[in-house]
Amino acid sequence: MKLGELISLSRELKKMSLRDLEEKSGVSNALISQIETGKVKNPGFRTVCKLAVALNLGLKRLAATE
């Protein structure tokens, strides 16, 4: 599973909109959308950490993405 797919699936399972995740993570909804669709493949460590915390995902799980 790719990073964007994992973030999208996790967000949907938590019934969060892009704006909800933006508010909780501090990452813009435009950037989240680009990550989820694969337009941004390497969003940076800080961004990934912010999203992981907001979605309650472990970094070990994120590191296992393609």
PDB file of N, CA and C in Angstrom:
ATOM      1  N   MET A   1       0.854  -1.180   0.000  1.00  0.00           N
ATOM      2  CA  MET A   1       0.000   0.000   0.000  1.00  0.00           C
ATOM      3  C   MET A   1       0.897   1.239   0.000  1.00  0.00           C
ATOM      4  N   LYS A   2       0.526   2.214  -0.763  1.00  0.00           N
ATOM      5  CA  LYS A   2       1.286   3.457  -0.847  1.00  0.00           C
ATOM      6  C   LYS A   2       0.874   4.411   0.273  1.00  0.00           C
ATOM      7  N   LEU A   3       1.749   5.356   0.557  1.00  0.00           N
ATOM      8  CA  LEU A   3       1.518   6.312   1.643  1.00  0.00           C
ATOM      9  C   LEU A   3       0.186   7.036   1.476  1.00  0.00           C
ATOM     10  N   GLY A   4      -0.076   7.550   0.296  1.00  0.00           N
ATOM     11  CA  GLY A   4      -1.314   8.284   0.049  1.00  0.00           C
ATOM     12  C   GLY A   4      -2.550   7.429   0.264  1.00  0.00           C
ATOM     13  N   GLU A   5      -2.467   6.179  -0.156  1.00  0.00           N
ATOM     14  CA  GLU A   5      -3.597   5.255   0.029  1.00  0.00           C
ATOM     15  C   GLU A   5      -3.843   5.000   1.511  1.00  0.00           C
ATOM     16  N   LEU A   6      -2.768   4.823   2.262  1.00  0.00           N
ATOM     17  CA  LEU A   6      -2.899   4.581   3.705  1.00  0.00           C
ATOM     18  C   LEU A   6      -3.511   5.782   4.412  1.00  0.00           C
ATOM     19  N   ILE A   7      -3.065   6.968   4.059  1.00  0.00           N
ATOM     20  CA  ILE A   7      -3.610   8.175   4.679  1.00  0.00           C
ATOM     21  C   ILE A   7      -5.079   8.339   4.325  1.00  0.00           C
ATOM     22  N   SER A   8      -5.410   8.145   3.058  1.00  0.00           N
ATOM     23  CA  SER A   8      -6.798   8.276   2.617  1.00  0.00           C
ATOM     24  C   SER A   8      -7.702   7.263   3.321  1.00  0.00           C
ATOM     25  N   LEU A   9      -7.277   6.010   3.355  1.00  0.00           N
ATOM     26  CA  LEU A   9      -8.069   4.963   3.995  1.00  0.00           C
ATOM     27  C   LEU A   9      -8.239   5.233   5.488  1.00  0.00           C
ATOM     28  N   SER A  10      -7.160   5.617   6.150  1.00  0.00           N
ATOM     29  CA  SER A  10      -7.227   5.909   7.592  1.00  0.00           C
ATOM     30  C   SER A  10      -8.169   7.071   7.865  1.00  0.00           C
ATOM     31  N   ARG A  11      -8.069   8.103   7.039  1.00  0.00           N
ATOM     32  CA  ARG A  11      -8.942   9.275   7.200  1.00  0.00           C
ATOM     33  C   ARG A  11     -10.406   8.890   7.012  1.00  0.00           C
ATOM     34  N   GLU A  12     -10.680   8.107   5.982  1.00  0.00           N
ATOM     35  CA  GLU A  12     -12.056   7.694   5.710  1.00  0.00           C
ATOM     36  C   GLU A  12     -12.611   6.789   6.806  1.00  0.00           C
ATOM     37  N   LEU A  13     -11.787   5.878   7.317  1.00  0.00           N
ATOM     38  CA  LEU A  13     -12.229   4.986   8.391  1.00  0.00           C
ATOM     39  C   LEU A  13     -12.563   5.762   9.664  1.00  0.00           C
ATOM     40  N   LYS A  14     -11.892   6.884   9.862  1.00  0.00           N
ATOM     41  CA  LYS A  14     -12.163   7.731  11.029  1.00  0.00           C
ATOM     42  C   LYS A  14     -13.241   8.765  10.739  1.00  0.00           C
ATOM     43  N   LYS A  15     -13.822   8.657   9.522  1.00  0.00           N
ATOM     44  CA  LYS A  15     -14.900   9.566   9.092  1.00  0.00           C
ATOM     45  C   LYS A  15     -14.471  11.028   9.188  1.00  0.00           C
ATOM     46  N   MET A  16     -13.240  11.284   8.739  1.00  0.00           N
ATOM     47  CA  MET A  16     -12.688  12.632   8.749  1.00  0.00           C
ATOM     48  C   MET A  16     -12.679  13.192   7.331  1.00  0.00           C
ATOM     49  N   SER A  17     -13.055  14.439   7.198  1.00  0.00           N
ATOM     50  CA  SER A  17     -12.931  15.117   5.914  1.00  0.00           C
ATOM     51  C   SER A  17     -11.495  15.628   5.782  1.00  0.00           C
ATOM     52  N   LEU A  18     -11.156  16.090   4.597  1.00  0.00           N
ATOM     53  CA  LEU A  18      -9.837  16.706   4.413  1.00  0.00           C
ATOM     54  C   LEU A  18      -9.665  17.889   5.357  1.00  0.00           C
ATOM     55  N   ARG A  19     -10.717  18.666   5.524  1.00  0.00           N
ATOM     56  CA  ARG A  19     -10.651  19.831   6.425  1.00  0.00           C
ATOM     57  C   ARG A  19     -10.484  19.409   7.886  1.00  0.00           C
ATOM     58  N   ASP A  20     -11.138  18.318   8.270  1.00  0.00           N
ATOM     59  CA  ASP A  20     -10.962  17.803   9.637  1.00  0.00           C
ATOM     60  C   ASP A  20      -9.502  17.437   9.881  1.00  0.00           C
ATOM     61  N   LEU A  21      -8.922  16.736   8.912  1.00  0.00           N
ATOM     62  CA  LEU A  21      -7.529  16.319   9.057  1.00  0.00           C
ATOM     63  C   LEU A  21      -6.596  17.527   9.019  1.00  0.00           C
ATOM     64  N   GLU A  22      -6.934  18.508   8.215  1.00  0.00           N
ATOM     65  CA  GLU A  22      -6.154  19.741   8.172  1.00  0.00           C
ATOM     66  C   GLU A  22      -6.136  20.406   9.547  1.00  0.00           C
ATOM     67  N   GLU A  23      -7.300  20.529  10.166  1.00  0.00           N
ATOM     68  CA  GLU A  23      -7.397  21.171  11.482  1.00  0.00           C
ATOM     69  C   GLU A  23      -6.621  20.397  12.541  1.00  0.00           C
ATOM     70  N   LYS A  24      -6.705  19.080  12.472  1.00  0.00           N
ATOM     71  CA  LYS A  24      -6.070  18.252  13.493  1.00  0.00           C
ATOM     72  C   LYS A  24      -4.553  18.147  13.299  1.00  0.00           C
ATOM     73  N   SER A  25      -4.092  18.209  12.046  1.00  0.00           N
ATOM     74  CA  SER A  25      -2.673  17.988  11.770  1.00  0.00           C
ATOM     75  C   SER A  25      -1.886  19.262  11.514  1.00  0.00           C
ATOM     76  N   GLY A  26      -2.559  20.313  11.061  1.00  0.00           N
ATOM     77  CA  GLY A  26      -1.847  21.525  10.672  1.00  0.00           C
ATOM     78  C   GLY A  26      -1.290  21.460   9.260  1.00  0.00           C
ATOM     79  N   VAL A  27      -1.623  20.400   8.519  1.00  0.00           N
ATOM     80  CA  VAL A  27      -1.194  20.242   7.126  1.00  0.00           C
ATOM     81  C   VAL A  27      -2.364  20.691   6.252  1.00  0.00           C
ATOM     82  N   SER A  28      -2.087  21.504   5.240  1.00  0.00           N
ATOM     83  CA  SER A  28      -3.177  22.040   4.414  1.00  0.00           C
ATOM     84  C   SER A  28      -3.945  20.921   3.717  1.00  0.00           C
ATOM     85  N   ASN A  29      -5.247  21.141   3.546  1.00  0.00           N
ATOM     86  CA  ASN A  29      -6.059  20.112   2.892  1.00  0.00           C
ATOM     87  C   ASN A  29      -5.636  19.921   1.440  1.00  0.00           C
ATOM     88  N   ALA A  30      -5.103  20.959   0.810  1.00  0.00           N
ATOM     89  CA  ALA A  30      -4.614  20.818  -0.570  1.00  0.00           C
ATOM     90  C   ALA A  30      -3.431  19.853  -0.621  1.00  0.00           C
ATOM     91  N   LEU A  31      -2.503  19.985   0.326  1.00  0.00           N
ATOM     92  CA  LEU A  31      -1.350  19.090   0.356  1.00  0.00           C
ATOM     93  C   LEU A  31      -1.780  17.667   0.701  1.00  0.00           C
ATOM     94  N   ILE A  32      -2.702  17.520   1.639  1.00  0.00           N
ATOM     95  CA  ILE A  32      -3.204  16.181   1.990  1.00  0.00           C
ATOM     96  C   ILE A  32      -3.810  15.526   0.762  1.00  0.00           C
ATOM     97  N   SER A  33      -4.609  16.268   0.025  1.00  0.00           N
ATOM     98  CA  SER A  33      -5.228  15.744  -1.190  1.00  0.00           C
ATOM     99  C   SER A  33      -4.172  15.311  -2.203  1.00  0.00           C
ATOM    100  N   GLN A  34      -3.134  16.109  -2.372  1.00  0.00           N
ATOM    101  CA  GLN A  34      -2.071  15.769  -3.319  1.00  0.00           C
ATOM    102  C   GLN A  34      -1.299  14.524  -2.879  1.00  0.00           C
ATOM    103  N   ILE A  35      -1.123  14.361  -1.584  1.00  0.00           N
ATOM    104  CA  ILE A  35      -0.464  13.155  -1.061  1.00  0.00           C
ATOM    105  C   ILE A  35      -1.351  11.943  -1.322  1.00  0.00           C
ATOM    106  N   GLU A  36      -2.642  12.075  -1.011  1.00  0.00           N
ATOM    107  CA  GLU A  36      -3.570  10.958  -1.184  1.00  0.00           C
ATOM    108  C   GLU A  36      -3.685  10.516  -2.640  1.00  0.00           C
ATOM    109  N   THR A  37      -3.631  11.454  -3.570  1.00  0.00           N
ATOM    110  CA  THR A  37      -3.767  11.117  -4.992  1.00  0.00           C
ATOM    111  C   THR A  37      -2.445  10.742  -5.645  1.00  0.00           C
ATOM    112  N   GLY A  38      -1.341  10.863  -4.911  1.00  0.00           N
ATOM    113  CA  GLY A  38      -0.047  10.469  -5.434  1.00  0.00           C
ATOM    114  C   GLY A  38       0.692  11.560  -6.188  1.00  0.00           C
ATOM    115  N   LYS A  39       0.133  12.764  -6.224  1.00  0.00           N
ATOM    116  CA  LYS A  39       0.819  13.871  -6.902  1.00  0.00           C
ATOM    117  C   LYS A  39       2.064  14.299  -6.135  1.00  0.00           C
ATOM    118  N   VAL A  40       2.017  14.178  -4.816  1.00  0.00           N
ATOM    119  CA  VAL A  40       3.193  14.421  -3.971  1.00  0.00           C
ATOM    120  C   VAL A  40       3.574  13.074  -3.379  1.00  0.00           C
ATOM    121  N   LYS A  41       4.721  12.572  -3.791  1.00  0.00           N
ATOM    122  CA  LYS A  41       5.140  11.237  -3.357  1.00  0.00           C
ATOM    123  C   LYS A  41       6.021  11.262  -2.111  1.00  0.00           C
ATOM    124  N   ASN A  42       6.764  12.329  -1.906  1.00  0.00           N
ATOM    125  CA  ASN A  42       7.655  12.452  -0.753  1.00  0.00           C
ATOM    126  C   ASN A  42       7.358  13.760  -0.023  1.00  0.00           C
ATOM    127  N   PRO A  43       6.353  13.751   0.849  1.00  0.00           N
ATOM    128  CA  PRO A  43       5.909  14.993   1.482  1.00  0.00           C
ATOM    129  C   PRO A  43       6.832  15.533   2.570  1.00  0.00           C
ATOM    130  N   GLY A  44       7.815  14.777   2.962  1.00  0.00           N
ATOM    131  CA  GLY A  44       8.716  15.232   4.017  1.00  0.00           C
ATOM    132  C   GLY A  44       8.373  14.600   5.359  1.00  0.00           C
ATOM    133  N   PHE A  45       9.415  14.428   6.152  1.00  0.00           N
ATOM    134  CA  PHE A  45       9.269  13.729   7.426  1.00  0.00           C
ATOM    135  C   PHE A  45       8.316  14.445   8.382  1.00  0.00           C
ATOM    136  N   ARG A  46       8.453  15.750   8.516  1.00  0.00           N
ATOM    137  CA  ARG A  46       7.582  16.502   9.448  1.00  0.00           C
ATOM    138  C   ARG A  46       6.112  16.382   9.057  1.00  0.00           C
ATOM    139  N   THR A  47       5.837  16.486   7.785  1.00  0.00           N
ATOM    140  CA  THR A  47       4.456  16.384   7.309  1.00  0.00           C
ATOM    141  C   THR A  47       3.898  15.000   7.613  1.00  0.00           C
ATOM    142  N   VAL A  48       4.675  13.978   7.335  1.00  0.00           N
ATOM    143  CA  VAL A  48       4.239  12.604   7.602  1.00  0.00           C
ATOM    144  C   VAL A  48       4.002  12.412   9.095  1.00  0.00           C
ATOM    145  N   CYS A  49       4.888  12.957   9.922  1.00  0.00           N
ATOM    146  CA  CYS A  49       4.713  12.840  11.378  1.00  0.00           C
ATOM    147  C   CYS A  49       3.425  13.520  11.839  1.00  0.00           C
ATOM    148  N   LYS A  50       3.151  14.704  11.320  1.00  0.00           N
ATOM    149  CA  LYS A  50       1.922  15.426  11.692  1.00  0.00           C
ATOM    150  C   LYS A  50       0.685  14.625  11.316  1.00  0.00           C
ATOM    151  N   LEU A  51       0.696  14.046  10.123  1.00  0.00           N
ATOM    152  CA  LEU A  51      -0.454  13.247   9.677  1.00  0.00           C
ATOM    153  C   LEU A  51      -0.575  11.971  10.501  1.00  0.00           C
ATOM    154  N   ALA A  52       0.551  11.350  10.816  1.00  0.00           N
ATOM    155  CA  ALA A  52       0.537  10.121  11.617  1.00  0.00           C
ATOM    156  C   ALA A  52      -0.074  10.373  12.989  1.00  0.00           C
ATOM    157  N   VAL A  53       0.329  11.453  13.623  1.00  0.00           N
ATOM    158  CA  VAL A  53      -0.209  11.782  14.950  1.00  0.00           C
ATOM    159  C   VAL A  53      -1.709  12.061  14.859  1.00  0.00           C
ATOM    160  N   ALA A  54      -2.107  12.843  13.860  1.00  0.00           N
ATOM    161  CA  ALA A  54      -3.526  13.196  13.709  1.00  0.00           C
ATOM    162  C   ALA A  54      -4.395  11.977  13.423  1.00  0.00           C
ATOM    163  N   LEU A  55      -3.831  10.993  12.731  1.00  0.00           N
ATOM    164  CA  LEU A  55      -4.597   9.789  12.379  1.00  0.00           C
ATOM    165  C   LEU A  55      -4.340   8.630  13.335  1.00  0.00           C
ATOM    166  N   ASN A  56      -3.494   8.874  14.335  1.00  0.00           N
ATOM    167  CA  ASN A  56      -3.137   7.846  15.312  1.00  0.00           C
ATOM    168  C   ASN A  56      -2.510   6.627  14.625  1.00  0.00           C
ATOM    169  N   LEU A  57      -1.612   6.899  13.686  1.00  0.00           N
ATOM    170  CA  LEU A  57      -0.887   5.843  12.985  1.00  0.00           C
ATOM    171  C   LEU A  57       0.547   5.812  13.493  1.00  0.00           C
ATOM    172  N   GLY A  58       1.072   4.634  13.676  1.00  0.00           N
ATOM    173  CA  GLY A  58       2.459   4.515  14.085  1.00  0.00           C
ATOM    174  C   GLY A  58       3.396   4.766  12.915  1.00  0.00           C
ATOM    175  N   LEU A  59       4.537   5.344  13.205  1.00  0.00           N
ATOM    176  CA  LEU A  59       5.519   5.599  12.153  1.00  0.00           C
ATOM    177  C   LEU A  59       6.028   4.293  11.544  1.00  0.00           C
ATOM    178  N   LYS A  60       6.042   3.237  12.329  1.00  0.00           N
ATOM    179  CA  LYS A  60       6.463   1.938  11.813  1.00  0.00           C
ATOM    180  C   LYS A  60       5.533   1.495  10.700  1.00  0.00           C
ATOM    181  N   ARG A  61       4.248   1.727  10.876  1.00  0.00           N
ATOM    182  CA  ARG A  61       3.261   1.372   9.841  1.00  0.00           C
ATOM    183  C   ARG A  61       3.467   2.214   8.586  1.00  0.00           C
ATOM    184  N   LEU A  62       3.723   3.500   8.769  1.00  0.00           N
ATOM    185  CA  LEU A  62       3.946   4.376   7.620  1.00  0.00           C
ATOM    186  C   LEU A  62       5.234   4.031   6.900  1.00  0.00           C
ATOM    187  N   ALA A  63       6.240   3.604   7.636  1.00  0.00           N
ATOM    188  CA  ALA A  63       7.527   3.266   7.026  1.00  0.00           C
ATOM    189  C   ALA A  63       7.403   2.013   6.149  1.00  0.00           C
ATOM    190  N   ALA A  64       6.386   1.223   6.383  1.00  0.00           N
ATOM    191  CA  ALA A  64       6.200  -0.012   5.606  1.00  0.00           C
ATOM    192  C   ALA A  64       5.481   0.244   4.278  1.00  0.00           C
ATOM    193  N   THR A  65       5.120   1.495   3.990  1.00  0.00           N
ATOM    194  CA  THR A  65       4.451   1.792   2.728  1.00  0.00           C
ATOM    195  C   THR A  65       5.474   1.812   1.605  1.00  0.00           C
ATOM    196  N   GLU A  66       4.981   1.628   0.402  1.00  0.00           N
ATOM    197  CA  GLU A  66       5.861   1.600  -0.790  1.00  0.00           C
ATOM    198  C   GLU A  66       6.344   2.971  -1.140  1.00  0.00           C
TER     199      GLU A  66
END
